[in-house]
C-alpha atoms as a PDB file:
ATOM      1  CA  UNK A   1      43.732  22.794 -48.918  1.00  0.00           C
ATOM      2  CA  UNK A   2      40.451  24.690 -48.594  1.00  0.00           C
ATOM      3  CA  UNK A   3      39.508  28.175 -47.486  1.00  0.00           C
ATOM      4  CA  UNK A   4      37.168  28.589 -44.518  1.00  0.00           C
ATOM      5  CA  UNK A   5      35.405  31.956 -44.594  1.00  0.00           C
ATOM      6  CA  UNK A   6      32.573  34.116 -43.342  1.00  0.00           C
ATOM      7  CA  UNK A   7      30.545  36.483 -45.574  1.00  0.00           C
ATOM      8  CA  UNK A   8      28.997  39.578 -44.012  1.00  0.00           C
ATOM      9  CA  UNK A   9      28.278  43.240 -44.790  1.00  0.00           C
ATOM     10  CA  UNK A  10      30.207  45.208 -42.244  1.00  0.00           C
ATOM     11  CA  UNK A  11      31.993  44.014 -39.140  1.00  0.00           C
ATOM     12  CA  UNK A  12      29.014  44.407 -36.805  1.00  0.00           C
ATOM     13  CA  UNK A  13      26.329  43.817 -39.446  1.00  0.00           C
ATOM     14  CA  UNK A  14      24.562  40.761 -40.842  1.00  0.00           C
ATOM     15  CA  UNK A  15      26.339  37.465 -41.405  1.00  0.00           C
ATOM     16  CA  UNK A  16      25.062  35.694 -44.521  1.00  0.00           C
ATOM     17  CA  UNK A  17      27.319  32.662 -44.681  1.00  0.00           C
ATOM     18  CA  UNK A  18      29.526  31.249 -41.937  1.00  0.00           C
ATOM     19  CA  UNK A  19      32.240  28.642 -42.371  1.00  0.00           C
ATOM     20  CA  UNK A  20      31.898  28.405 -46.141  1.00  0.00           C
ATOM     21  CA  UNK A  21      34.593  26.036 -47.366  1.00  0.00           C
ATOM     22  CA  UNK A  22      36.022  26.678 -50.827  1.00  0.00           C
ATOM     23  CA  UNK A  23      38.423  24.304 -52.518  1.00  0.00           C
ATOM     24  CA  UNK A  24      40.942  24.825 -55.309  1.00  0.00           C
ATOM     25  CA  UNK A  25      39.171  25.626 -58.560  1.00  0.00           C
ATOM     26  CA  UNK A  26      35.988  27.461 -59.495  1.00  0.00           C
ATOM     27  CA  UNK A  27      33.697  28.319 -56.592  1.00  0.00           C
ATOM     28  CA  UNK A  28      30.404  30.212 -56.537  1.00  0.00           C
ATOM     29  CA  UNK A  29      28.798  32.312 -53.823  1.00  0.00           C
ATOM     30  CA  UNK A  30      25.150  33.333 -54.218  1.00  0.00           C
ATOM     31  CA  UNK A  31      24.597  37.045 -53.600  1.00  0.00           C
ATOM     32  CA  UNK A  32      20.980  37.285 -52.498  1.00  0.00           C
ATOM     33  CA  UNK A  33      18.542  40.159 -52.858  1.00  0.00           C
ATOM     34  CA  UNK A  34      18.677  40.650 -49.077  1.00  0.00           C
ATOM     35  CA  UNK A  35      22.464  41.036 -49.200  1.00  0.00           C
ATOM     36  CA  UNK A  36      22.243  43.531 -52.092  1.00  0.00           C
ATOM     37  CA  UNK A  37      19.591  45.623 -50.314  1.00  0.00           C
ATOM     38  CA  UNK A  38      21.634  45.812 -47.102  1.00  0.00           C
ATOM     39  CA  UNK A  39      24.739  46.890 -49.024  1.00  0.00           C
ATOM     40  CA  UNK A  40      22.706  49.488 -50.959  1.00  0.00           C
ATOM     41  CA  UNK A  41      21.654  51.191 -47.707  1.00  0.00           C
ATOM     42  CA  UNK A  42      25.154  52.593 -47.350  1.00  0.00           C
ATOM     43  CA  UNK A  43      26.831  53.515 -44.107  1.00  0.00           C
ATOM     44  CA  UNK A  44      28.676  50.838 -42.138  1.00  0.00           C
ATOM     45  CA  UNK A  45      26.977  47.969 -43.991  1.00  0.00           C
ATOM     46  CA  UNK A  46      27.690  49.114 -47.553  1.00  0.00           C
ATOM     47  CA  UNK A  47      30.506  46.644 -48.223  1.00  0.00           C
ATOM     48  CA  UNK A  48      30.317  42.905 -48.667  1.00  0.00           C
ATOM     49  CA  UNK A  49      33.126  41.483 -46.510  1.00  0.00           C
ATOM     50  CA  UNK A  50      34.864  38.127 -46.796  1.00  0.00           C
ATOM     51  CA  UNK A  51      36.673  37.132 -43.605  1.00  0.00           C
ATOM     52  CA  UNK A  52      38.988  34.136 -43.832  1.00  0.00           C
ATOM     53  CA  UNK A  53      39.193  31.839 -40.817  1.00  0.00           C
ATOM     54  CA  UNK A  54      41.873  29.791 -42.504  1.00  0.00           C
ATOM     55  CA  UNK A  55      43.617  29.302 -45.821  1.00  0.00           C
ATOM     56  CA  UNK A  56      44.414  31.782 -48.570  1.00  0.00           C
ATOM     57  CA  UNK A  57      42.552  32.784 -51.696  1.00  0.00           C
ATOM     58  CA  UNK A  58      43.050  34.855 -54.823  1.00  0.00           C
ATOM     59  CA  UNK A  59      40.056  36.330 -56.619  1.00  0.00           C
ATOM     60  CA  UNK A  60      40.695  36.333 -60.355  1.00  0.00           C
ATOM     61  CA  UNK A  61      37.295  37.689 -61.364  1.00  0.00           C
ATOM     62  CA  UNK A  62      33.881  38.584 -60.028  1.00  0.00           C
ATOM     63  CA  UNK A  63      30.764  38.141 -62.155  1.00  0.00           C
ATOM     64  CA  UNK A  64      27.511  39.913 -61.372  1.00  0.00           C
ATOM     65  CA  UNK A  65      24.201  39.403 -63.168  1.00  0.00           C
ATOM     66  CA  UNK A  66      20.866  41.132 -62.525  1.00  0.00           C
END
């Protein structure tokens, strides 16, 4: 019962992870400096998008550390 997803910043922008499989429990996704810089540019690529190919997920918390 895993989640298969893609991580990108904007629909037509960069793809950082493709077919990441998460399972029930605690999962971690590394947000790189490259990803942060692209999102900071603004415009169409300002958001970090998670697209699910299959499965469902519920985010209970997001932790960010500089």
